[in-house]
All heavy atoms as atom14 arrays in JSON, in Angstrom:
{
  "sequence": "KIGSHGSEAIDEIKEFGSRILESPGKQGLNAFINTDLELILKENLIT",
  "atom14_mask": [
    [1, 1, 1, 1, 1, 1, 1, 1, 1, 0, 0, 0, 0, 0],
    [1, 1, 1, 1, 1, 1, 1, 1, 0, 0, 0, 0, 0, 0],
    [1, 1, 1, 1, 0, 0, 0, 0, 0, 0, 0, 0, 0, 0],
    [1, 1, 1, 1, 1, 1, 0, 0, 0, 0, 0, 0, 0, 0],
    [1, 1, 1, 1, 1, 1, 1, 1, 1, 1, 0, 0, 0, 0],
    [1, 1, 1, 1, 0, 0, 0, 0, 0, 0, 0, 0, 0, 0],
    [1, 1, 1, 1, 1, 1, 0, 0, 0, 0, 0, 0, 0, 0],
    [1, 1, 1, 1, 1, 1, 1, 1, 1, 0, 0, 0, 0, 0],
    [1, 1, 1, 1, 1, 0, 0, 0, 0, 0, 0, 0, 0, 0],
    [1, 1, 1, 1, 1, 1, 1, 1, 0, 0, 0, 0, 0, 0],
    [1, 1, 1, 1, 1, 1, 1, 1, 0, 0, 0, 0, 0, 0],
    [1, 1, 1, 1, 1, 1, 1, 1, 1, 0, 0, 0, 0, 0],
    [1, 1, 1, 1, 1, 1, 1, 1, 0, 0, 0, 0, 0, 0],
    [1, 1, 1, 1, 1, 1, 1, 1, 1, 0, 0, 0, 0, 0],
    [1, 1, 1, 1, 1, 1, 1, 1, 1, 0, 0, 0, 0, 0],
    [1, 1, 1, 1, 1, 1, 1, 1, 1, 1, 1, 0, 0, 0],
    [1, 1, 1, 1, 0, 0, 0, 0, 0, 0, 0, 0, 0, 0],
    [1, 1, 1, 1, 1, 1, 0, 0, 0, 0, 0, 0, 0, 0],
    [1, 1, 1, 1, 1, 1, 1, 1, 1, 1, 1, 0, 0, 0],
    [1, 1, 1, 1, 1, 1, 1, 1, 0, 0, 0, 0, 0, 0],
    [1, 1, 1, 1, 1, 1, 1, 1, 0, 0, 0, 0, 0, 0],
    [1, 1, 1, 1, 1, 1, 1, 1, 1, 0, 0, 0, 0, 0],
    [1, 1, 1, 1, 1, 1, 0, 0, 0, 0, 0, 0, 0, 0],
    [1, 1, 1, 1, 1, 1, 1, 0, 0, 0, 0, 0, 0, 0],
    [1, 1, 1, 1, 0, 0, 0, 0, 0, 0, 0, 0, 0, 0],
    [1, 1, 1, 1, 1, 1, 1, 1, 1, 0, 0, 0, 0, 0],
    [1, 1, 1, 1, 1, 1, 1, 1, 1, 0, 0, 0, 0, 0],
    [1, 1, 1, 1, 0, 0, 0, 0, 0, 0, 0, 0, 0, 0],
    [1, 1, 1, 1, 1, 1, 1, 1, 0, 0, 0, 0, 0, 0],
    [1, 1, 1, 1, 1, 1, 1, 1, 0, 0, 0, 0, 0, 0],
    [1, 1, 1, 1, 1, 0, 0, 0, 0, 0, 0, 0, 0, 0],
    [1, 1, 1, 1, 1, 1, 1, 1, 1, 1, 1, 0, 0, 0],
    [1, 1, 1, 1, 1, 1, 1, 1, 0, 0, 0, 0, 0, 0],
    [1, 1, 1, 1, 1, 1, 1, 1, 0, 0, 0, 0, 0, 0],
    [1, 1, 1, 1, 1, 1, 1, 0, 0, 0, 0, 0, 0, 0],
    [1, 1, 1, 1, 1, 1, 1, 1, 0, 0, 0, 0, 0, 0],
    [1, 1, 1, 1, 1, 1, 1, 1, 0, 0, 0, 0, 0, 0],
    [1, 1, 1, 1, 1, 1, 1, 1, 1, 0, 0, 0, 0, 0],
    [1, 1, 1, 1, 1, 1, 1, 1, 0, 0, 0, 0, 0, 0],
    [1, 1, 1, 1, 1, 1, 1, 1, 0, 0, 0, 0, 0, 0],
    [1, 1, 1, 1, 1, 1, 1, 1, 0, 0, 0, 0, 0, 0],
    [1, 1, 1, 1, 1, 1, 1, 1, 1, 0, 0, 0, 0, 0],
    [1, 1, 1, 1, 1, 1, 1, 1, 1, 0, 0, 0, 0, 0],
    [1, 1, 1, 1, 1, 1, 1, 1, 0, 0, 0, 0, 0, 0],
    [1, 1, 1, 1, 1, 1, 1, 1, 0, 0, 0, 0, 0, 0],
    [1, 1, 1, 1, 1, 1, 1, 1, 0, 0, 0, 0, 0, 0],
    [1, 1, 1, 1, 1, 1, 1, 0, 0, 0, 0, 0, 0, 0]
  ],
  "atom14_positions": [
    [[0.09, 90.48, -52.71], [-1.31, 90.82, -52.79], [-1.67, 91.68, -51.66], [-1.32, 91.42, -50.4], [-2.11, 89.5, -52.77], [-3.45, 89.64, -53.31], [-4.2, 88.28, -53.28], [-3.59, 87.34, -54.29], [-4.39, 86.05, -54.41], [0.0, 0.0, 0.0], [0.0, 0.0, 0.0], [0.0, 0.0, 0.0], [0.0, 0.0, 0.0], [0.0, 0.0, 0.0]],
    [[-2.48, 92.67, -51.9], [-2.93, 93.61, -50.83], [-3.53, 92.91, -49.68], [-4.23, 91.97, -49.78], [-3.88, 94.7, -51.39], [-4.1, 95.78, -50.38], [-5.19, 94.01, -51.84], [-4.8, 97.04, -51.01], [0.0, 0.0, 0.0], [0.0, 0.0, 0.0], [0.0, 0.0, 0.0], [0.0, 0.0, 0.0], [0.0, 0.0, 0.0], [0.0, 0.0, 0.0]],
    [[-3.08, 93.35, -48.46], [-3.66, 92.71, -47.25], [-3.01, 91.39, -46.84], [-3.33, 90.83, -45.75], [0.0, 0.0, 0.0], [0.0, 0.0, 0.0], [0.0, 0.0, 0.0], [0.0, 0.0, 0.0], [0.0, 0.0, 0.0], [0.0, 0.0, 0.0], [0.0, 0.0, 0.0], [0.0, 0.0, 0.0], [0.0, 0.0, 0.0], [0.0, 0.0, 0.0]],
    [[-2.07, 90.9, -47.67], [-1.36, 89.65, -47.34], [-0.15, 89.86, -46.53], [0.47, 90.95, -46.53], [-1.05, 88.86, -48.64], [0.03, 89.54, -49.33], [0.0, 0.0, 0.0], [0.0, 0.0, 0.0], [0.0, 0.0, 0.0], [0.0, 0.0, 0.0], [0.0, 0.0, 0.0], [0.0, 0.0, 0.0], [0.0, 0.0, 0.0], [0.0, 0.0, 0.0]],
    [[0.23, 88.89, -45.79], [1.43, 88.9, -45.04], [2.7, 89.09, -45.99], [3.58, 89.87, -45.66], [1.62, 87.51, -44.32], [2.96, 87.45, -43.55], [3.28, 88.17, -42.5], [4.06, 86.68, -43.92], [4.55, 87.82, -42.12], [5.09, 86.93, -42.95], [0.0, 0.0, 0.0], [0.0, 0.0, 0.0], [0.0, 0.0, 0.0], [0.0, 0.0, 0.0]],
    [[2.61, 88.51, -47.14], [3.72, 88.7, -48.16], [3.91, 90.08, -48.61], [5.04, 90.45, -48.92], [0.0, 0.0, 0.0], [0.0, 0.0, 0.0], [0.0, 0.0, 0.0], [0.0, 0.0, 0.0], [0.0, 0.0, 0.0], [0.0, 0.0, 0.0], [0.0, 0.0, 0.0], [0.0, 0.0, 0.0], [0.0, 0.0, 0.0], [0.0, 0.0, 0.0]],
    [[2.96, 90.88, -48.63], [3.03, 92.27, -49.12], [3.48, 93.22, -48.07], [3.93, 94.33, -48.39], [1.66, 92.75, -49.7], [0.77, 92.98, -48.69], [0.0, 0.0, 0.0], [0.0, 0.0, 0.0], [0.0, 0.0, 0.0], [0.0, 0.0, 0.0], [0.0, 0.0, 0.0], [0.0, 0.0, 0.0], [0.0, 0.0, 0.0], [0.0, 0.0, 0.0]],
    [[3.51, 92.82, -46.85], [3.91, 93.69, -45.76], [5.43, 93.76, -45.66], [6.17, 92.92, -46.12], [3.43, 93.12, -44.39], [1.97, 93.1, -44.19], [1.52, 92.48, -42.91], [2.43, 92.1, -42.07], [0.34, 92.24, -42.71], [0.0, 0.0, 0.0], [0.0, 0.0, 0.0], [0.0, 0.0, 0.0], [0.0, 0.0, 0.0], [0.0, 0.0, 0.0]],
    [[5.86, 94.95, -45.1], [7.3, 95.09, -44.83], [7.84, 94.1, -43.91], [7.13, 93.6, -43.0], [7.54, 96.54, -44.26], [0.0, 0.0, 0.0], [0.0, 0.0, 0.0], [0.0, 0.0, 0.0], [0.0, 0.0, 0.0], [0.0, 0.0, 0.0], [0.0, 0.0, 0.0], [0.0, 0.0, 0.0], [0.0, 0.0, 0.0], [0.0, 0.0, 0.0]],
    [[9.08, 93.73, -44.11], [9.71, 92.76, -43.23], [9.83, 93.33, -41.84], [9.75, 94.57, -41.67], [11.15, 92.3, -43.78], [12.08, 93.58, -43.86], [11.03, 91.48, -45.05], [13.49, 93.18, -44.13], [0.0, 0.0, 0.0], [0.0, 0.0, 0.0], [0.0, 0.0, 0.0], [0.0, 0.0, 0.0], [0.0, 0.0, 0.0], [0.0, 0.0, 0.0]],
    [[9.83, 92.5, -40.74], [9.85, 92.91, -39.42], [10.94, 93.87, -39.2], [10.79, 94.85, -38.36], [9.96, 91.68, -38.44], [8.62, 90.9, -38.48], [7.6, 91.42, -38.98], [8.72, 89.67, -38.08], [0.0, 0.0, 0.0], [0.0, 0.0, 0.0], [0.0, 0.0, 0.0], [0.0, 0.0, 0.0], [0.0, 0.0, 0.0], [0.0, 0.0, 0.0]],
    [[12.14, 93.65, -39.69], [13.32, 94.48, -39.44], [12.92, 95.95, -39.93], [13.39, 96.84, -39.15], [14.5, 94.02, -40.25], [15.08, 92.68, -39.7], [14.36, 91.47, -40.33], [13.3, 91.54, -41.0], [15.0, 90.37, -40.3], [0.0, 0.0, 0.0], [0.0, 0.0, 0.0], [0.0, 0.0, 0.0], [0.0, 0.0, 0.0], [0.0, 0.0, 0.0]],
    [[12.27, 96.11, -40.98], [11.87, 97.48, -41.4], [10.77, 98.08, -40.47], [10.8, 99.24, -40.09], [11.43, 97.49, -42.87], [12.57, 97.07, -43.83], [10.71, 98.76, -43.25], [13.63, 98.14, -43.94], [0.0, 0.0, 0.0], [0.0, 0.0, 0.0], [0.0, 0.0, 0.0], [0.0, 0.0, 0.0], [0.0, 0.0, 0.0], [0.0, 0.0, 0.0]],
    [[9.79, 97.17, -40.15], [8.73, 97.69, -39.24], [9.19, 98.14, -37.89], [8.65, 99.16, -37.32], [7.78, 96.56, -38.98], [6.85, 96.21, -40.2], [5.92, 95.07, -39.84], [5.0, 94.67, -40.85], [4.16, 93.51, -40.42], [0.0, 0.0, 0.0], [0.0, 0.0, 0.0], [0.0, 0.0, 0.0], [0.0, 0.0, 0.0], [0.0, 0.0, 0.0]],
    [[10.31, 97.7, -37.45], [10.83, 98.08, -36.14], [11.29, 99.53, -36.15], [11.35, 100.18, -35.12], [12.03, 97.19, -35.83], [11.64, 95.83, -35.36], [12.89, 94.9, -35.0], [13.98, 95.41, -34.86], [12.67, 93.74, -34.93], [0.0, 0.0, 0.0], [0.0, 0.0, 0.0], [0.0, 0.0, 0.0], [0.0, 0.0, 0.0], [0.0, 0.0, 0.0]],
    [[11.54, 100.17, -37.27], [11.98, 101.42, -37.32], [10.7, 102.45, -37.32], [10.89, 103.67, -37.2], [12.78, 101.79, -38.64], [14.17, 101.21, -38.51], [14.36, 99.96, -39.17], [15.12, 101.84, -37.85], [15.67, 99.38, -39.13], [16.45, 101.28, -37.8], [16.74, 100.11, -38.35], [0.0, 0.0, 0.0], [0.0, 0.0, 0.0], [0.0, 0.0, 0.0]],
    [[9.51, 101.89, -37.41], [8.3, 102.71, -37.28], [8.24, 103.89, -38.33], [8.59, 103.79, -39.37], [0.0, 0.0, 0.0], [0.0, 0.0, 0.0], [0.0, 0.0, 0.0], [0.0, 0.0, 0.0], [0.0, 0.0, 0.0], [0.0, 0.0, 0.0], [0.0, 0.0, 0.0], [0.0, 0.0, 0.0], [0.0, 0.0, 0.0], [0.0, 0.0, 0.0]],
    [[7.91, 105.09, -37.71], [7.73, 106.26, -38.53], [9.0, 106.8, -38.95], [8.99, 107.8, -39.83], [6.93, 107.3, -37.79], [7.63, 107.7, -36.6], [0.0, 0.0, 0.0], [0.0, 0.0, 0.0], [0.0, 0.0, 0.0], [0.0, 0.0, 0.0], [0.0, 0.0, 0.0], [0.0, 0.0, 0.0], [0.0, 0.0, 0.0], [0.0, 0.0, 0.0]],
    [[10.13, 106.34, -38.61], [11.47, 106.81, -39.0], [11.58, 106.55, -40.55], [12.28, 107.23, -41.25], [12.58, 106.16, -38.31], [13.91, 106.66, -38.76], [14.92, 106.5, -37.78], [16.26, 106.87, -38.36], [17.25, 106.14, -38.5], [17.28, 104.93, -37.9], [18.39, 106.53, -39.07], [0.0, 0.0, 0.0], [0.0, 0.0, 0.0], [0.0, 0.0, 0.0]],
    [[10.9, 105.45, -41.0], [10.92, 105.16, -42.49], [9.56, 105.5, -43.1], [8.59, 105.05, -42.66], [11.25, 103.67, -42.71], [12.59, 103.26, -42.22], [11.09, 103.32, -44.14], [13.0, 101.89, -42.28], [0.0, 0.0, 0.0], [0.0, 0.0, 0.0], [0.0, 0.0, 0.0], [0.0, 0.0, 0.0], [0.0, 0.0, 0.0], [0.0, 0.0, 0.0]],
    [[9.59, 106.55, -44.0], [8.42, 106.98, -44.69], [8.03, 105.94, -45.79], [8.91, 105.46, -46.47], [8.72, 108.33, -45.27], [7.54, 109.05, -45.93], [6.41, 109.35, -44.97], [8.06, 110.37, -46.54], [0.0, 0.0, 0.0], [0.0, 0.0, 0.0], [0.0, 0.0, 0.0], [0.0, 0.0, 0.0], [0.0, 0.0, 0.0], [0.0, 0.0, 0.0]],
    [[6.82, 105.68, -45.85], [6.3, 104.84, -46.98], [5.66, 105.54, -48.07], [4.85, 106.34, -47.83], [5.37, 103.68, -46.4], [5.04, 102.57, -47.41], [4.31, 101.4, -46.73], [4.94, 100.65, -46.06], [3.08, 101.34, -47.09], [0.0, 0.0, 0.0], [0.0, 0.0, 0.0], [0.0, 0.0, 0.0], [0.0, 0.0, 0.0], [0.0, 0.0, 0.0]],
    [[6.13, 105.2, -49.25], [5.45, 105.73, -50.44], [4.79, 104.63, -51.22], [5.42, 103.99, -52.04], [6.56, 106.44, -51.36], [6.0, 106.99, -52.46], [0.0, 0.0, 0.0], [0.0, 0.0, 0.0], [0.0, 0.0, 0.0], [0.0, 0.0, 0.0], [0.0, 0.0, 0.0], [0.0, 0.0, 0.0], [0.0, 0.0, 0.0], [0.0, 0.0, 0.0]],
    [[3.51, 104.41, -50.9], [2.83, 103.31, -51.55], [2.43, 103.65, -52.97], [2.47, 104.74, -53.51], [1.56, 103.16, -50.71], [1.3, 104.51, -50.15], [2.71, 105.21, -49.96], [0.0, 0.0, 0.0], [0.0, 0.0, 0.0], [0.0, 0.0, 0.0], [0.0, 0.0, 0.0], [0.0, 0.0, 0.0], [0.0, 0.0, 0.0], [0.0, 0.0, 0.0]],
    [[1.84, 102.61, -53.7], [1.27, 102.75, -55.04], [2.13, 102.07, -56.09], [1.61, 101.97, -57.23], [0.0, 0.0, 0.0], [0.0, 0.0, 0.0], [0.0, 0.0, 0.0], [0.0, 0.0, 0.0], [0.0, 0.0, 0.0], [0.0, 0.0, 0.0], [0.0, 0.0, 0.0], [0.0, 0.0, 0.0], [0.0, 0.0, 0.0], [0.0, 0.0, 0.0]],
    [[3.31, 101.59, -55.8], [4.1, 100.94, -56.79], [3.4, 99.65, -57.24], [3.09, 98.77, -56.43], [5.55, 100.7, -56.19], [6.51, 100.04, -57.18], [7.84, 99.95, -56.51], [8.91, 99.27, -57.4], [8.8, 97.85, -57.4], [0.0, 0.0, 0.0], [0.0, 0.0, 0.0], [0.0, 0.0, 0.0], [0.0, 0.0, 0.0], [0.0, 0.0, 0.0]],
    [[3.16, 99.54, -58.54], [2.57, 98.32, -59.07], [3.31, 97.79, -60.32], [2.84, 97.06, -61.1], [1.09, 98.54, -59.49], [0.25, 98.96, -58.19], [-1.2, 99.33, -58.69], [-1.38, 99.86, -59.72], [-2.09, 99.03, -57.76], [0.0, 0.0, 0.0], [0.0, 0.0, 0.0], [0.0, 0.0, 0.0], [0.0, 0.0, 0.0], [0.0, 0.0, 0.0]],
    [[4.59, 98.2, -60.46], [5.41, 97.83, -61.53], [6.85, 97.89, -61.12], [7.16, 97.8, -59.92], [0.0, 0.0, 0.0], [0.0, 0.0, 0.0], [0.0, 0.0, 0.0], [0.0, 0.0, 0.0], [0.0, 0.0, 0.0], [0.0, 0.0, 0.0], [0.0, 0.0, 0.0], [0.0, 0.0, 0.0], [0.0, 0.0, 0.0], [0.0, 0.0, 0.0]],
    [[7.76, 98.0, -62.09], [9.13, 97.95, -61.85], [9.82, 99.32, -61.28], [10.83, 99.15, -60.59], [9.88, 97.48, -63.1], [9.28, 96.3, -63.86], [10.09, 95.94, -65.04], [9.27, 95.1, -62.83], [0.0, 0.0, 0.0], [0.0, 0.0, 0.0], [0.0, 0.0, 0.0], [0.0, 0.0, 0.0], [0.0, 0.0, 0.0], [0.0, 0.0, 0.0]],
    [[9.25, 100.39, -61.66], [9.85, 101.65, -61.37], [9.19, 102.24, -60.11], [7.97, 102.59, -60.17], [9.69, 102.57, -62.62], [10.4, 103.88, -62.45], [10.67, 104.31, -61.4], [10.56, 104.49, -63.63], [0.0, 0.0, 0.0], [0.0, 0.0, 0.0], [0.0, 0.0, 0.0], [0.0, 0.0, 0.0], [0.0, 0.0, 0.0], [0.0, 0.0, 0.0]],
    [[9.98, 102.6, -59.11], [9.34, 103.11, -57.84], [8.79, 104.57, -58.0], [8.13, 105.08, -57.12], [10.34, 103.12, -56.76], [0.0, 0.0, 0.0], [0.0, 0.0, 0.0], [0.0, 0.0, 0.0], [0.0, 0.0, 0.0], [0.0, 0.0, 0.0], [0.0, 0.0, 0.0], [0.0, 0.0, 0.0], [0.0, 0.0, 0.0], [0.0, 0.0, 0.0]],
    [[9.15, 105.23, -59.17], [8.62, 106.6, -59.36], [7.19, 106.55, -59.97], [6.52, 107.53, -59.95], [9.52, 107.38, -60.27], [10.81, 107.82, -59.53], [11.93, 107.14, -59.68], [10.78, 109.02, -58.83], [13.13, 107.53, -59.05], [11.95, 109.46, -58.18], [13.08, 108.65, -58.3], [0.0, 0.0, 0.0], [0.0, 0.0, 0.0], [0.0, 0.0, 0.0]],
    [[6.86, 105.4, -60.61], [5.49, 105.36, -61.3], [4.41, 105.0, -60.32], [4.47, 104.13, -59.55], [5.58, 104.24, -62.44], [6.72, 104.51, -63.4], [4.18, 104.17, -63.15], [6.59, 105.86, -64.2], [0.0, 0.0, 0.0], [0.0, 0.0, 0.0], [0.0, 0.0, 0.0], [0.0, 0.0, 0.0], [0.0, 0.0, 0.0], [0.0, 0.0, 0.0]],
    [[3.36, 105.9, -60.33], [2.14, 105.66, -59.48], [2.4, 105.88, -57.99], [1.66, 105.34, -57.23], [1.62, 104.24, -59.8], [0.09, 104.26, -59.48], [-0.65, 105.07, -59.73], [-0.33, 103.13, -58.78], [0.0, 0.0, 0.0], [0.0, 0.0, 0.0], [0.0, 0.0, 0.0], [0.0, 0.0, 0.0], [0.0, 0.0, 0.0], [0.0, 0.0, 0.0]],
    [[3.51, 106.5, -57.66], [3.8, 106.85, -56.29], [4.04, 108.38, -56.08], [4.17, 109.07, -57.12], [5.08, 106.06, -55.78], [6.18, 106.68, -56.33], [4.94, 104.63, -56.07], [0.0, 0.0, 0.0], [0.0, 0.0, 0.0], [0.0, 0.0, 0.0], [0.0, 0.0, 0.0], [0.0, 0.0, 0.0], [0.0, 0.0, 0.0], [0.0, 0.0, 0.0]],
    [[4.22, 108.8, -54.86], [4.52, 110.24, -54.67], [6.04, 110.38, -54.3], [6.45, 111.31, -53.74], [3.65, 110.78, -53.52], [3.76, 110.07, -52.25], [4.46, 109.11, -52.14], [3.2, 110.51, -51.24], [0.0, 0.0, 0.0], [0.0, 0.0, 0.0], [0.0, 0.0, 0.0], [0.0, 0.0, 0.0], [0.0, 0.0, 0.0], [0.0, 0.0, 0.0]],
    [[6.79, 109.33, -54.73], [8.27, 109.37, -54.36], [8.95, 110.7, -54.95], [9.63, 111.35, -54.15], [8.94, 108.13, -55.06], [10.4, 107.99, -54.85], [10.77, 108.07, -53.32], [10.98, 106.75, -55.48], [0.0, 0.0, 0.0], [0.0, 0.0, 0.0], [0.0, 0.0, 0.0], [0.0, 0.0, 0.0], [0.0, 0.0, 0.0], [0.0, 0.0, 0.0]],
    [[8.76, 111.05, -56.24], [9.44, 112.23, -56.66], [9.0, 113.45, -55.91], [9.82, 114.4, -55.61], [9.16, 112.42, -58.19], [9.94, 113.5, -58.84], [9.82, 113.56, -60.31], [8.92, 112.81, -60.94], [10.48, 114.41, -60.93], [0.0, 0.0, 0.0], [0.0, 0.0, 0.0], [0.0, 0.0, 0.0], [0.0, 0.0, 0.0], [0.0, 0.0, 0.0]],
    [[7.77, 113.63, -55.59], [7.18, 114.73, -54.86], [7.85, 114.84, -53.52], [8.25, 115.9, -53.03], [5.69, 114.65, -54.66], [4.97, 115.74, -53.95], [5.15, 117.07, -54.63], [3.5, 115.43, -53.72], [0.0, 0.0, 0.0], [0.0, 0.0, 0.0], [0.0, 0.0, 0.0], [0.0, 0.0, 0.0], [0.0, 0.0, 0.0], [0.0, 0.0, 0.0]],
    [[7.96, 113.69, -52.79], [8.53, 113.66, -51.46], [10.01, 114.13, -51.57], [10.42, 114.91, -50.8], [8.51, 112.22, -50.82], [7.08, 111.82, -50.57], [9.3, 112.16, -49.58], [6.87, 110.37, -50.19], [0.0, 0.0, 0.0], [0.0, 0.0, 0.0], [0.0, 0.0, 0.0], [0.0, 0.0, 0.0], [0.0, 0.0, 0.0], [0.0, 0.0, 0.0]],
    [[10.78, 113.55, -52.57], [12.13, 113.99, -52.71], [12.29, 115.51, -52.98], [13.14, 116.17, -52.38], [12.78, 113.2, -53.88], [12.88, 111.68, -53.59], [13.31, 110.93, -54.87], [13.79, 111.37, -52.41], [0.0, 0.0, 0.0], [0.0, 0.0, 0.0], [0.0, 0.0, 0.0], [0.0, 0.0, 0.0], [0.0, 0.0, 0.0], [0.0, 0.0, 0.0]],
    [[11.42, 116.06, -53.91], [11.52, 117.47, -54.22], [11.11, 118.31, -53.03], [11.69, 119.43, -52.78], [10.66, 117.78, -55.47], [11.31, 117.22, -56.67], [10.5, 117.64, -57.97], [11.32, 117.19, -59.15], [10.67, 117.45, -60.41], [0.0, 0.0, 0.0], [0.0, 0.0, 0.0], [0.0, 0.0, 0.0], [0.0, 0.0, 0.0], [0.0, 0.0, 0.0]],
    [[10.08, 117.95, -52.31], [9.63, 118.73, -51.08], [10.79, 118.77, -50.04], [10.78, 119.72, -49.35], [8.37, 118.11, -50.53], [7.08, 118.41, -51.32], [5.91, 117.72, -50.72], [6.02, 116.76, -49.8], [4.77, 118.09, -51.09], [0.0, 0.0, 0.0], [0.0, 0.0, 0.0], [0.0, 0.0, 0.0], [0.0, 0.0, 0.0], [0.0, 0.0, 0.0]],
    [[11.55, 117.73, -49.99], [12.63, 117.76, -49.0], [13.96, 118.17, -49.62], [15.06, 117.98, -48.95], [12.82, 116.31, -48.47], [11.65, 115.94, -47.5], [11.66, 116.31, -46.36], [10.61, 115.31, -48.04], [0.0, 0.0, 0.0], [0.0, 0.0, 0.0], [0.0, 0.0, 0.0], [0.0, 0.0, 0.0], [0.0, 0.0, 0.0], [0.0, 0.0, 0.0]],
    [[13.97, 118.74, -50.8], [15.14, 119.3, -51.49], [16.26, 118.25, -51.66], [17.43, 118.63, -51.58], [15.65, 120.52, -50.72], [14.61, 121.67, -50.48], [15.2, 122.77, -49.63], [14.14, 122.22, -51.78], [0.0, 0.0, 0.0], [0.0, 0.0, 0.0], [0.0, 0.0, 0.0], [0.0, 0.0, 0.0], [0.0, 0.0, 0.0], [0.0, 0.0, 0.0]],
    [[15.84, 117.03, -51.93], [16.76, 115.94, -52.09], [17.38, 116.03, -53.52], [16.63, 116.15, -54.47], [16.08, 114.55, -51.87], [15.53, 114.41, -50.46], [17.1, 113.44, -52.17], [16.61, 114.55, -49.34], [0.0, 0.0, 0.0], [0.0, 0.0, 0.0], [0.0, 0.0, 0.0], [0.0, 0.0, 0.0], [0.0, 0.0, 0.0], [0.0, 0.0, 0.0]],
    [[18.7, 115.92, -53.67], [19.33, 115.87, -54.94], [20.03, 114.58, -55.17], [20.52, 114.27, -56.34], [20.29, 117.05, -55.11], [21.26, 116.95, -54.03], [19.61, 118.32, -55.03], [0.0, 0.0, 0.0], [0.0, 0.0, 0.0], [0.0, 0.0, 0.0], [0.0, 0.0, 0.0], [0.0, 0.0, 0.0], [0.0, 0.0, 0.0], [0.0, 0.0, 0.0]]
  ]
}
């Protein structure tokens, strides 16, 4: 649930700070739906 402790990244991930980019918006099973994941990958020429 938004704003809850449970929805937050685990502490181990938080420790990396901005090194890990977050692509929010996922509200279902597929990380490409309702997020900018594909755009980020394409902008960075990821294959």
